[in-house]
Amino acid sequence: MKSFRLIIILLAILCVVFLVFGMISFSGLQSEKKTRVATENSLKDLTASREDLMKQLDEDKKLKADLEMQLADLKGKFTSLQDKAEKLAAQIADERKAKEEALAKLSGKDKEIEEVKTNWENERTSHSALQEQFDKLQKENAAVQDQLKNLQATNQNLSKQIDDLQAKKEVELDKIVVKPGVEAEGKVLVVNKEFNFIVVAAGNNKGITPGVTFGVYRSGKLVAKAQVEKVYETMSAANILPDSGDIREGDIAKAM
């Protein structure tokens, strides 16, 4: 009986041991399963993190490449700017040197400036005198122009009278014989090529009468002929005859 009880006790102990061992094994399996699930989840998280890190690494590589390109471009621009700065510095130095030389020259120009001022004052005074002479000449020219207008009007009237006389055949101008005075000569004062006449400084005071023919001389040589149409006290107007040469103011007209 004691052996049977002992066996039963041993069996009971074994059952308890197996039960405890089973419980421990089951608990270990559950724990291992949880650990494995947690490990798998951690692995998934690590894999996702690794992929994110790889993407970030690729982006960082691209960014690094872009930054390197920008850096190279900036280096090139910096080198170009540095060259330009050196050239500009050299140019500024040259301009400064030229400015200093110009200032040195200008410092010695005071006397010349004073001389220029003096000359300018003299020129201004001379200009004033010339302006007065010019105004006087303008007045004289206006008087001569008025005289020319009168002579032109007279010439037109004389031409009309001559045409009328020729039409009526009352007078033959080519048969008029005039005996001028002894000193019947004078300078040519005016040459009017438009109306083909001249004004001579010889008139009634030297015995000039209408119809007299003037020979126009230059340097003692006959260059033209003109026939008197209108006579005044100290001058006369004469038509330039055909086949005459060039007449200039200052030529000598002599009665022929």
C-alpha atoms as a PDB file:
ATOM      1  CA  MET A   1       0.000   0.000   0.000  1.00  0.00           C
ATOM      2  CA  LYS A   2       2.812   2.278   0.835  1.00  0.00           C
ATOM      3  CA  SER A   3       4.377   1.598  -2.556  1.00  0.00           C
ATOM      4  CA  PHE A   4       1.084   2.283  -4.277  1.00  0.00           C
ATOM      5  CA  ARG A   5       0.695   5.538  -2.444  1.00  0.00           C
ATOM      6  CA  LEU A   6       4.233   6.398  -3.252  1.00  0.00           C
ATOM      7  CA  ILE A   7       3.574   5.687  -6.896  1.00  0.00           C
ATOM      8  CA  ILE A   8       0.433   7.787  -6.813  1.00  0.00           C
ATOM      9  CA  ILE A   9       2.317  10.600  -5.142  1.00  0.00           C
ATOM     10  CA  LEU A  10       5.075  10.327  -7.701  1.00  0.00           C
ATOM     11  CA  LEU A  11       2.512  10.304 -10.474  1.00  0.00           C
ATOM     12  CA  ALA A  12       0.832  13.298  -8.927  1.00  0.00           C
ATOM     13  CA  ILE A  13       4.162  15.060  -8.661  1.00  0.00           C
ATOM     14  CA  LEU A  14       4.942  14.167 -12.255  1.00  0.00           C
ATOM     15  CA  CYS A  15       1.559  15.446 -13.344  1.00  0.00           C
ATOM     16  CA  VAL A  16       2.141  18.642 -11.469  1.00  0.00           C
ATOM     17  CA  VAL A  17       5.619  18.923 -12.983  1.00  0.00           C
ATOM     18  CA  PHE A  18       4.286  18.250 -16.474  1.00  0.00           C
ATOM     19  CA  LEU A  19       1.474  20.697 -15.888  1.00  0.00           C
ATOM     20  CA  VAL A  20       3.875  23.347 -14.671  1.00  0.00           C
ATOM     21  CA  PHE A  21       6.243  22.596 -17.517  1.00  0.00           C
ATOM     22  CA  GLY A  22       3.359  22.778 -19.995  1.00  0.00           C
ATOM     23  CA  MET A  23       2.188  26.031 -18.559  1.00  0.00           C
ATOM     24  CA  ILE A  24       5.702  27.353 -18.691  1.00  0.00           C
ATOM     25  CA  SER A  25       6.103  26.154 -22.293  1.00  0.00           C
ATOM     26  CA  PHE A  26       2.742  27.623 -23.290  1.00  0.00           C
ATOM     27  CA  SER A  27       3.638  30.876 -21.608  1.00  0.00           C
ATOM     28  CA  GLY A  28       6.998  30.839 -23.378  1.00  0.00           C
ATOM     29  CA  LEU A  29       5.359  30.185 -26.716  1.00  0.00           C
ATOM     30  CA  GLN A  30       2.949  33.060 -26.181  1.00  0.00           C
ATOM     31  CA  SER A  31       5.771  35.298 -25.136  1.00  0.00           C
ATOM     32  CA  GLU A  32       7.877  34.186 -28.102  1.00  0.00           C
ATOM     33  CA  LYS A  33       4.939  34.799 -30.421  1.00  0.00           C
ATOM     34  CA  LYS A  34       4.474  38.282 -29.039  1.00  0.00           C
ATOM     35  CA  THR A  35       8.180  38.889 -29.293  1.00  0.00           C
ATOM     36  CA  ARG A  36       8.215  37.609 -32.869  1.00  0.00           C
ATOM     37  CA  VAL A  37       5.239  39.831 -33.790  1.00  0.00           C
ATOM     38  CA  ALA A  38       6.896  42.793 -32.123  1.00  0.00           C
ATOM     39  CA  THR A  39      10.131  41.965 -33.920  1.00  0.00           C
ATOM     40  CA  GLU A  40       8.337  41.718 -37.261  1.00  0.00           C
ATOM     41  CA  ASN A  41       6.611  45.026 -36.607  1.00  0.00           C
ATOM     42  CA  SER A  42       9.926  46.583 -35.652  1.00  0.00           C
ATOM     43  CA  LEU A  43      11.473  45.112 -38.795  1.00  0.00           C
ATOM     44  CA  LYS A  44       8.681  46.589 -40.905  1.00  0.00           C
ATOM     45  CA  ASP A  45       9.181  49.941 -39.210  1.00  0.00           C
ATOM     46  CA  LEU A  46      12.921  49.692 -39.765  1.00  0.00           C
ATOM     47  CA  THR A  47      12.351  48.761 -43.423  1.00  0.00           C
ATOM     48  CA  ALA A  48      10.022  51.741 -43.897  1.00  0.00           C
ATOM     49  CA  SER A  49      12.501  53.972 -42.091  1.00  0.00           C
ATOM     50  CA  ARG A  50      15.301  52.601 -44.266  1.00  0.00           C
ATOM     51  CA  GLU A  51      13.297  53.365 -47.427  1.00  0.00           C
ATOM     52  CA  ASP A  52      12.580  56.869 -46.148  1.00  0.00           C
ATOM     53  CA  LEU A  53      16.241  57.295 -45.324  1.00  0.00           C
ATOM     54  CA  MET A  54      17.218  56.058 -48.800  1.00  0.00           C
ATOM     55  CA  LYS A  55      14.793  58.518 -50.408  1.00  0.00           C
ATOM     56  CA  GLN A  56      16.118  61.287 -48.200  1.00  0.00           C
ATOM     57  CA  LEU A  57      19.659  60.214 -49.099  1.00  0.00           C
ATOM     58  CA  ASP A  58      18.835  60.391 -52.830  1.00  0.00           C
ATOM     59  CA  GLU A  59      17.305  63.820 -52.370  1.00  0.00           C
ATOM     60  CA  ASP A  60      20.348  64.898 -50.371  1.00  0.00           C
ATOM     61  CA  LYS A  61      22.607  63.609 -53.157  1.00  0.00           C
ATOM     62  CA  LYS A  62      20.632  65.587 -55.766  1.00  0.00           C
ATOM     63  CA  LEU A  63      20.694  68.645 -53.539  1.00  0.00           C
ATOM     64  CA  LYS A  64      24.428  68.191 -53.046  1.00  0.00           C
ATOM     65  CA  ALA A  65      24.943  67.921 -56.826  1.00  0.00           C
ATOM     66  CA  ASP A  66      22.872  71.093 -57.380  1.00  0.00           C
ATOM     67  CA  LEU A  67      24.795  72.885 -54.662  1.00  0.00           C
ATOM     68  CA  GLU A  68      28.096  71.782 -56.191  1.00  0.00           C
ATOM     69  CA  MET A  69      26.981  73.088 -59.607  1.00  0.00           C
ATOM     70  CA  GLN A  70      25.859  76.374 -58.068  1.00  0.00           C
ATOM     71  CA  LEU A  71      29.134  76.579 -56.175  1.00  0.00           C
ATOM     72  CA  ALA A  72      31.106  76.008 -59.390  1.00  0.00           C
ATOM     73  CA  ASP A  73      29.015  78.680 -61.144  1.00  0.00           C
ATOM     74  CA  LEU A  74      29.560  81.083 -58.258  1.00  0.00           C
ATOM     75  CA  LYS A  75      33.285  80.375 -58.367  1.00  0.00           C
ATOM     76  CA  GLY A  76      33.315  81.205 -62.088  1.00  0.00           C
ATOM     77  CA  LYS A  77      31.354  84.401 -61.509  1.00  0.00           C
ATOM     78  CA  PHE A  78      33.604  85.317 -58.614  1.00  0.00           C
ATOM     79  CA  THR A  79      36.677  84.818 -60.802  1.00  0.00           C
ATOM     80  CA  SER A  80      35.118  86.949 -63.553  1.00  0.00           C
ATOM     81  CA  LEU A  81      34.163  89.645 -61.058  1.00  0.00           C
ATOM     82  CA  GLN A  82      37.644  89.536 -59.603  1.00  0.00           C
ATOM     83  CA  ASP A  83      39.156  90.042 -63.076  1.00  0.00           C
ATOM     84  CA  LYS A  84      36.762  92.918 -63.743  1.00  0.00           C
ATOM     85  CA  ALA A  85      37.590  94.425 -60.362  1.00  0.00           C
ATOM     86  CA  GLU A  86      41.306  94.261 -61.158  1.00  0.00           C
ATOM     87  CA  LYS A  87      40.751  95.878 -64.566  1.00  0.00           C
ATOM     88  CA  LEU A  88      38.533  98.533 -62.993  1.00  0.00           C
ATOM     89  CA  ALA A  89      41.143  99.209 -60.331  1.00  0.00           C
ATOM     90  CA  ALA A  90      43.795  99.602 -63.044  1.00  0.00           C
ATOM     91  CA  GLN A  91      41.491 101.911 -65.023  1.00  0.00           C
ATOM     92  CA  ILE A  92      40.771 103.988 -61.915  1.00  0.00           C
ATOM     93  CA  ALA A  93      44.492 104.234 -61.260  1.00  0.00           C
ATOM     94  CA  ASP A  94      45.099 105.402 -64.847  1.00  0.00           C
ATOM     95  CA  GLU A  95      42.267 107.928 -64.640  1.00  0.00           C
ATOM     96  CA  ARG A  96      43.550 109.181 -61.313  1.00  0.00           C
ATOM     97  CA  LYS A  97      47.008 109.585 -62.794  1.00  0.00           C
ATOM     98  CA  ALA A  98      45.589 111.388 -65.827  1.00  0.00           C
ATOM     99  CA  LYS A  99      43.525 113.614 -63.526  1.00  0.00           C
ATOM    100  CA  GLU A 100      46.586 114.474 -61.478  1.00  0.00           C
ATOM    101  CA  GLU A 101      48.508 115.304 -64.661  1.00  0.00           C
ATOM    102  CA  ALA A 102      45.606 117.435 -65.905  1.00  0.00           C
ATOM    103  CA  LEU A 103      45.436 119.262 -62.575  1.00  0.00           C
ATOM    104  CA  ALA A 104      49.176 119.833 -62.741  1.00  0.00           C
ATOM    105  CA  LYS A 105      48.782 121.318 -66.220  1.00  0.00           C
ATOM    106  CA  LEU A 106      45.799 123.428 -65.174  1.00  0.00           C
ATOM    107  CA  SER A 107      47.716 124.827 -62.235  1.00  0.00           C
ATOM    108  CA  GLY A 108      50.161 126.379 -64.704  1.00  0.00           C
ATOM    109  CA  LYS A 109      47.443 127.799 -66.948  1.00  0.00           C
ATOM    110  CA  ASP A 110      46.461 130.768 -64.777  1.00  0.00           C
ATOM    111  CA  LYS A 111      48.634 133.160 -66.734  1.00  0.00           C
ATOM    112  CA  GLU A 112      47.323 131.852 -70.038  1.00  0.00           C
ATOM    113  CA  ILE A 113      43.750 132.197 -68.777  1.00  0.00           C
ATOM    114  CA  GLU A 114      44.416 135.815 -67.855  1.00  0.00           C
ATOM    115  CA  GLU A 115      45.886 136.411 -71.310  1.00  0.00           C
ATOM    116  CA  VAL A 116      42.832 134.782 -72.877  1.00  0.00           C
ATOM    117  CA  LYS A 117      40.565 137.014 -70.787  1.00  0.00           C
ATOM    118  CA  THR A 118      42.521 140.077 -71.892  1.00  0.00           C
ATOM    119  CA  ASN A 119      42.372 138.977 -75.527  1.00  0.00           C
ATOM    120  CA  TRP A 120      38.669 138.301 -75.145  1.00  0.00           C
ATOM    121  CA  GLU A 121      38.090 141.792 -73.786  1.00  0.00           C
ATOM    122  CA  ASN A 122      40.068 143.218 -76.702  1.00  0.00           C
ATOM    123  CA  GLU A 123      38.096 141.081 -79.132  1.00  0.00           C
ATOM    124  CA  ARG A 124      34.843 142.242 -77.587  1.00  0.00           C
ATOM    125  CA  THR A 125      35.925 145.863 -77.938  1.00  0.00           C
ATOM    126  CA  SER A 126      36.968 145.194 -81.522  1.00  0.00           C
ATOM    127  CA  HIS A 127      33.667 143.411 -82.120  1.00  0.00           C
ATOM    128  CA  SER A 128      31.765 146.449 -80.875  1.00  0.00           C
ATOM    129  CA  ALA A 129      33.707 148.662 -83.270  1.00  0.00           C
ATOM    130  CA  LEU A 130      33.099 146.217 -86.112  1.00  0.00           C
ATOM    131  CA  GLN A 131      29.418 146.097 -85.217  1.00  0.00           C
ATOM    132  CA  GLU A 132      29.237 149.873 -85.463  1.00  0.00           C
ATOM    133  CA  GLN A 133      30.978 149.742 -88.844  1.00  0.00           C
ATOM    134  CA  PHE A 134      28.633 146.969 -89.932  1.00  0.00           C
ATOM    135  CA  ASP A 135      25.574 148.996 -88.909  1.00  0.00           C
ATOM    136  CA  LYS A 136      26.967 151.967 -90.814  1.00  0.00           C
ATOM    137  CA  LEU A 137      27.590 149.804 -93.881  1.00  0.00           C
ATOM    138  CA  GLN A 138      24.075 148.420 -93.617  1.00  0.00           C
ATOM    139  CA  LYS A 139      22.680 151.942 -93.658  1.00  0.00           C
ATOM    140  CA  GLU A 140      24.876 152.817 -96.632  1.00  0.00           C
ATOM    141  CA  ASN A 141      23.825 149.589 -98.337  1.00  0.00           C
ATOM    142  CA  ALA A 142      20.165 150.447 -97.742  1.00  0.00           C
ATOM    143  CA  ALA A 143      20.760 153.854 -99.321  1.00  0.00           C
ATOM    144  CA  VAL A 144      22.498 152.214-102.291  1.00  0.00           C
ATOM    145  CA  GLN A 145      19.644 149.725-102.610  1.00  0.00           C
ATOM    146  CA  ASP A 146      17.151 152.586-102.692  1.00  0.00           C
ATOM    147  CA  GLN A 147      19.282 154.289-105.304  1.00  0.00           C
ATOM    148  CA  LEU A 148      19.438 151.064-107.310  1.00  0.00           C
ATOM    149  CA  LYS A 149      15.673 150.743-107.156  1.00  0.00           C
ATOM    150  CA  ASN A 150      15.354 154.277-108.480  1.00  0.00           C
ATOM    151  CA  LEU A 151      17.871 153.481-111.208  1.00  0.00           C
ATOM    152  CA  GLN A 152      16.003 150.306-112.113  1.00  0.00           C
ATOM    153  CA  ALA A 153      12.748 152.210-112.345  1.00  0.00           C
ATOM    154  CA  THR A 154      14.492 154.855-114.444  1.00  0.00           C
ATOM    155  CA  ASN A 155      16.021 152.149-116.624  1.00  0.00           C
ATOM    156  CA  GLN A 156      12.619 150.609-117.223  1.00  0.00           C
ATOM    157  CA  ASN A 157      11.145 153.991-118.126  1.00  0.00           C
ATOM    158  CA  LEU A 158      14.052 154.709-120.449  1.00  0.00           C
ATOM    159  CA  SER A 159      13.720 151.304-122.077  1.00  0.00           C
ATOM    160  CA  LYS A 160      10.030 151.933-122.641  1.00  0.00           C
ATOM    161  CA  GLN A 161      10.737 155.366-124.088  1.00  0.00           C
ATOM    162  CA  ILE A 162      13.390 153.926-126.386  1.00  0.00           C
ATOM    163  CA  ASP A 163      11.003 151.216-127.549  1.00  0.00           C
ATOM    164  CA  ASP A 164       8.338 153.839-128.229  1.00  0.00           C
ATOM    165  CA  LEU A 165      10.807 156.025-130.098  1.00  0.00           C
ATOM    166  CA  GLN A 166      12.040 153.113-132.168  1.00  0.00           C
ATOM    167  CA  ALA A 167       8.468 152.078-132.958  1.00  0.00           C
ATOM    168  CA  LYS A 168       7.560 155.555-134.123  1.00  0.00           C
ATOM    169  CA  LYS A 169      10.914 156.000-135.869  1.00  0.00           C
ATOM    170  CA  GLU A 170      11.045 159.552-134.555  1.00  0.00           C
ATOM    171  CA  VAL A 171      14.610 159.206-133.300  1.00  0.00           C
ATOM    172  CA  GLU A 172      17.541 157.063-134.401  1.00  0.00           C
ATOM    173  CA  LEU A 173      19.709 156.532-131.356  1.00  0.00           C
ATOM    174  CA  ASP A 174      22.649 155.190-133.287  1.00  0.00           C
ATOM    175  CA  LYS A 175      23.025 158.550-135.076  1.00  0.00           C
ATOM    176  CA  ILE A 176      23.244 160.628-131.915  1.00  0.00           C
ATOM    177  CA  VAL A 177      26.609 162.335-131.694  1.00  0.00           C
ATOM    178  CA  VAL A 178      27.677 163.598-128.291  1.00  0.00           C
ATOM    179  CA  LYS A 179      30.754 165.532-127.435  1.00  0.00           C
ATOM    180  CA  PRO A 180      31.606 164.816-123.828  1.00  0.00           C
ATOM    181  CA  GLY A 181      33.763 166.963-121.616  1.00  0.00           C
ATOM    182  CA  VAL A 182      37.507 166.655-121.422  1.00  0.00           C
ATOM    183  CA  GLU A 183      37.461 164.552-118.215  1.00  0.00           C
ATOM    184  CA  ALA A 184      34.505 162.362-119.256  1.00  0.00           C
ATOM    185  CA  GLU A 185      35.468 159.256-117.298  1.00  0.00           C
ATOM    186  CA  GLY A 186      34.669 157.680-113.954  1.00  0.00           C
ATOM    187  CA  LYS A 187      34.665 154.459-111.983  1.00  0.00           C
ATOM    188  CA  VAL A 188      31.984 151.818-112.403  1.00  0.00           C
ATOM    189  CA  LEU A 189      29.986 152.030-109.170  1.00  0.00           C
ATOM    190  CA  VAL A 190      27.298 149.409-109.774  1.00  0.00           C
ATOM    191  CA  VAL A 191      26.989 146.428-112.132  1.00  0.00           C
ATOM    192  CA  ASN A 192      23.430 145.105-112.530  1.00  0.00           C
ATOM    193  CA  LYS A 193      23.544 141.937-114.614  1.00  0.00           C
ATOM    194  CA  GLU A 194      19.839 141.267-114.117  1.00  0.00           C
ATOM    195  CA  PHE A 195      18.808 144.462-115.970  1.00  0.00           C
ATOM    196  CA  ASN A 196      22.055 144.640-117.985  1.00  0.00           C
ATOM    197  CA  PHE A 197      23.161 148.151-116.992  1.00  0.00           C
ATOM    198  CA  ILE A 198      25.939 149.890-115.061  1.00  0.00           C
ATOM    199  CA  VAL A 199      26.205 153.071-112.986  1.00  0.00           C
ATOM    200  CA  VAL A 200      29.271 155.254-113.671  1.00  0.00           C
ATOM    201  CA  ALA A 201      30.648 158.029-111.450  1.00  0.00           C
ATOM    202  CA  ALA A 202      30.393 160.627-114.251  1.00  0.00           C
ATOM    203  CA  GLY A 203      27.371 162.749-115.086  1.00  0.00           C
ATOM    204  CA  ASN A 204      26.456 166.318-115.913  1.00  0.00           C
ATOM    205  CA  ASN A 205      29.502 167.467-113.969  1.00  0.00           C
ATOM    206  CA  LYS A 206      31.714 165.884-116.656  1.00  0.00           C
ATOM    207  CA  GLY A 207      29.613 166.708-119.693  1.00  0.00           C
ATOM    208  CA  ILE A 208      27.974 163.293-120.063  1.00  0.00           C
ATOM    209  CA  THR A 209      24.697 163.324-122.001  1.00  0.00           C
ATOM    210  CA  PRO A 210      22.252 160.557-123.003  1.00  0.00           C
ATOM    211  CA  GLY A 211      23.518 158.542-125.957  1.00  0.00           C
ATOM    212  CA  VAL A 212      27.210 158.733-125.030  1.00  0.00           C
ATOM    213  CA  THR A 213      29.042 155.412-125.362  1.00  0.00           C
ATOM    214  CA  PHE A 214      31.366 154.414-122.538  1.00  0.00           C
ATOM    215  CA  GLY A 215      34.366 152.184-123.070  1.00  0.00           C
ATOM    216  CA  VAL A 216      34.971 150.127-119.920  1.00  0.00           C
ATOM    217  CA  TYR A 217      38.660 149.495-119.180  1.00  0.00           C
ATOM    218  CA  ARG A 218      40.476 147.264-116.720  1.00  0.00           C
ATOM    219  CA  SER A 219      44.249 147.619-116.348  1.00  0.00           C
ATOM    220  CA  GLY A 220      44.208 149.778-119.475  1.00  0.00           C
ATOM    221  CA  LYS A 221      42.470 147.113-121.573  1.00  0.00           C
ATOM    222  CA  LEU A 222      39.021 147.579-123.133  1.00  0.00           C
ATOM    223  CA  VAL A 223      36.682 144.904-121.777  1.00  0.00           C
ATOM    224  CA  ALA A 224      33.179 146.216-122.613  1.00  0.00           C
ATOM    225  CA  LYS A 225      31.009 149.047-123.950  1.00  0.00           C
ATOM    226  CA  ALA A 226      27.872 150.696-122.559  1.00  0.00           C
ATOM    227  CA  GLN A 227      25.530 153.415-123.869  1.00  0.00           C
ATOM    228  CA  VAL A 228      24.223 156.133-121.540  1.00  0.00           C
ATOM    229  CA  GLU A 229      20.459 156.330-121.059  1.00  0.00           C
ATOM    230  CA  LYS A 230      20.030 158.501-117.952  1.00  0.00           C
ATOM    231  CA  VAL A 231      22.281 161.265-116.657  1.00  0.00           C
ATOM    232  CA  TYR A 232      22.412 162.725-113.139  1.00  0.00           C
ATOM    233  CA  GLU A 233      24.612 165.421-111.666  1.00  0.00           C
ATOM    234  CA  THR A 234      27.522 163.171-110.629  1.00  0.00           C
ATOM    235  CA  MET A 235      26.619 159.794-112.171  1.00  0.00           C
ATOM    236  CA  SER A 236      24.956 158.195-115.153  1.00  0.00           C
ATOM    237  CA  ALA A 237      23.216 154.928-116.028  1.00  0.00           C
ATOM    238  CA  ALA A 238      24.251 153.084-119.187  1.00  0.00           C
ATOM    239  CA  ASN A 239      23.015 149.910-120.899  1.00  0.00           C
ATOM    240  CA  ILE A 240      25.678 147.267-121.521  1.00  0.00           C
ATOM    241  CA  LEU A 241      26.059 146.775-125.267  1.00  0.00           C
ATOM    242  CA  PRO A 242      26.081 143.308-126.887  1.00  0.00           C
ATOM    243  CA  ASP A 243      29.350 141.373-127.240  1.00  0.00           C
ATOM    244  CA  SER A 244      30.706 143.067-124.111  1.00  0.00           C
ATOM    245  CA  GLY A 245      32.941 141.242-121.685  1.00  0.00           C
ATOM    246  CA  ASP A 246      32.653 140.926-117.917  1.00  0.00           C
ATOM    247  CA  ILE A 247      32.332 144.300-116.145  1.00  0.00           C
ATOM    248  CA  ARG A 248      33.333 144.655-112.510  1.00  0.00           C
ATOM    249  CA  GLU A 249      32.810 147.381-109.964  1.00  0.00           C
ATOM    250  CA  GLY A 250      35.906 149.578-109.905  1.00  0.00           C
ATOM    251  CA  ASP A 251      36.563 149.352-113.661  1.00  0.00           C
ATOM    252  CA  ILE A 252      37.161 152.694-115.447  1.00  0.00           C
ATOM    253  CA  ALA A 253      34.504 153.925-117.894  1.00  0.00           C
ATOM    254  CA  LYS A 254      35.680 156.471-120.485  1.00  0.00           C
ATOM    255  CA  ALA A 255      33.493 158.343-122.966  1.00  0.00           C
ATOM    256  CA  MET A 256      34.349 157.282-126.517  1.00  0.00           C
END
